[in-house]
Amino acid sequence: MMNEVWKLDKNYYCLYVESKDVMKRIKRYYTDFVLMAEYYDHNGKLQARQYKVEKKRKRVAVRLKNIW
C-alpha cells in the first residue's frame, strides 16, 4: 500500500491514500478534507482516494500518510 502527500498549489496539498483504515479515519474525523478523485481497479473495487487538504492541515496529512 502506498500513501503520498504532495504540494498542489500555494494553499493546498494533495493526499493520496490506498489504506482503507486511513480512508475511514478521514471520513470520520477530517471532514474538511475534500475528496478530489477515487480510483478503482478493473473489477470496480475501490483502490484509492485522493484528497485536497488546506495548507494549515499539512501536518495531519503527513501523519496520515505514515499510517498503514
Protein backbone atom coordinates (compact mmCIF):
# COMPACT_ATOMS: atom_id res chain seq x y z
CA MET A 1 0.00 0.00 0.00
CA MET A 2 1.04 3.50 -0.71
CA ASN A 3 0.07 6.81 0.83
CA GLU A 4 1.56 10.05 -0.50
CA VAL A 5 1.40 13.81 0.12
CA TRP A 6 2.49 16.49 -2.31
CA LYS A 7 2.03 20.22 -2.76
CA LEU A 8 -0.84 21.10 -5.10
CA ASP A 9 -0.53 24.88 -5.16
CA LYS A 10 0.16 27.79 -2.82
CA ASN A 11 -2.64 26.98 -0.36
CA TYR A 12 -3.32 23.25 -0.76
CA TYR A 13 -1.73 19.82 -0.54
CA CYS A 14 -2.84 16.51 -2.08
CA LEU A 15 -3.15 13.37 0.00
CA TYR A 16 -3.28 10.08 -1.94
CA VAL A 17 -4.45 7.15 0.18
CA GLU A 18 -4.68 3.44 -0.56
CA SER A 19 -5.19 2.31 3.04
CA LYS A 20 -8.81 1.53 3.93
CA ASP A 21 -8.14 2.38 7.59
CA VAL A 22 -6.91 5.86 6.70
CA MET A 23 -9.93 6.38 4.42
CA LYS A 24 -12.22 5.52 7.34
CA ARG A 25 -10.36 7.91 9.66
CA ILE A 26 -10.63 10.74 7.16
CA LYS A 27 -14.35 10.13 6.69
CA ARG A 28 -14.92 10.12 10.44
CA TYR A 29 -12.56 12.79 11.80
CA TYR A 30 -11.35 15.00 8.94
CA THR A 31 -14.49 16.20 7.19
CA ASP A 32 -12.65 19.30 5.95
CA PHE A 33 -10.55 17.13 3.59
CA VAL A 34 -12.11 17.50 0.14
CA LEU A 35 -12.38 14.36 -2.00
CA MET A 36 -10.80 15.03 -5.39
CA ALA A 37 -10.77 11.58 -7.01
CA GLU A 38 -11.49 7.91 -6.46
CA TYR A 39 -9.51 5.17 -8.18
CA TYR A 40 -10.96 1.73 -8.95
CA ASP A 41 -9.34 -1.47 -10.19
CA HIS A 42 -10.58 -3.36 -13.27
CA ASN A 43 -13.19 -5.21 -11.16
CA GLY A 44 -14.76 -1.98 -9.93
CA LYS A 45 -13.35 -2.28 -6.41
CA LEU A 46 -12.22 0.94 -4.70
CA GLN A 47 -8.42 1.09 -4.80
CA ALA A 48 -7.53 4.59 -3.59
CA ARG A 49 -8.77 8.09 -2.89
CA GLN A 50 -7.18 11.48 -3.38
CA TYR A 51 -7.98 14.40 -1.06
CA LYS A 52 -7.38 18.14 -1.22
CA VAL A 53 -6.03 19.40 2.12
CA GLU A 54 -5.59 23.00 3.24
CA LYS A 55 -2.06 24.17 3.99
CA LYS A 56 -2.86 24.57 7.69
CA ARG A 57 -3.69 20.81 7.87
CA LYS A 58 -0.42 19.66 6.25
CA ARG A 59 0.88 18.18 9.49
CA VAL A 60 -2.20 15.97 9.84
CA ALA A 61 -1.91 14.85 6.21
CA VAL A 62 1.74 13.88 6.65
CA ARG A 63 0.90 11.88 9.78
CA LEU A 64 -1.94 10.09 7.99
CA LYS A 65 0.44 9.29 5.13
CA ASN A 66 2.64 7.29 7.52
CA ILE A 67 -0.21 5.04 8.71
CA TRP A 68 -0.52 1.63 7.05
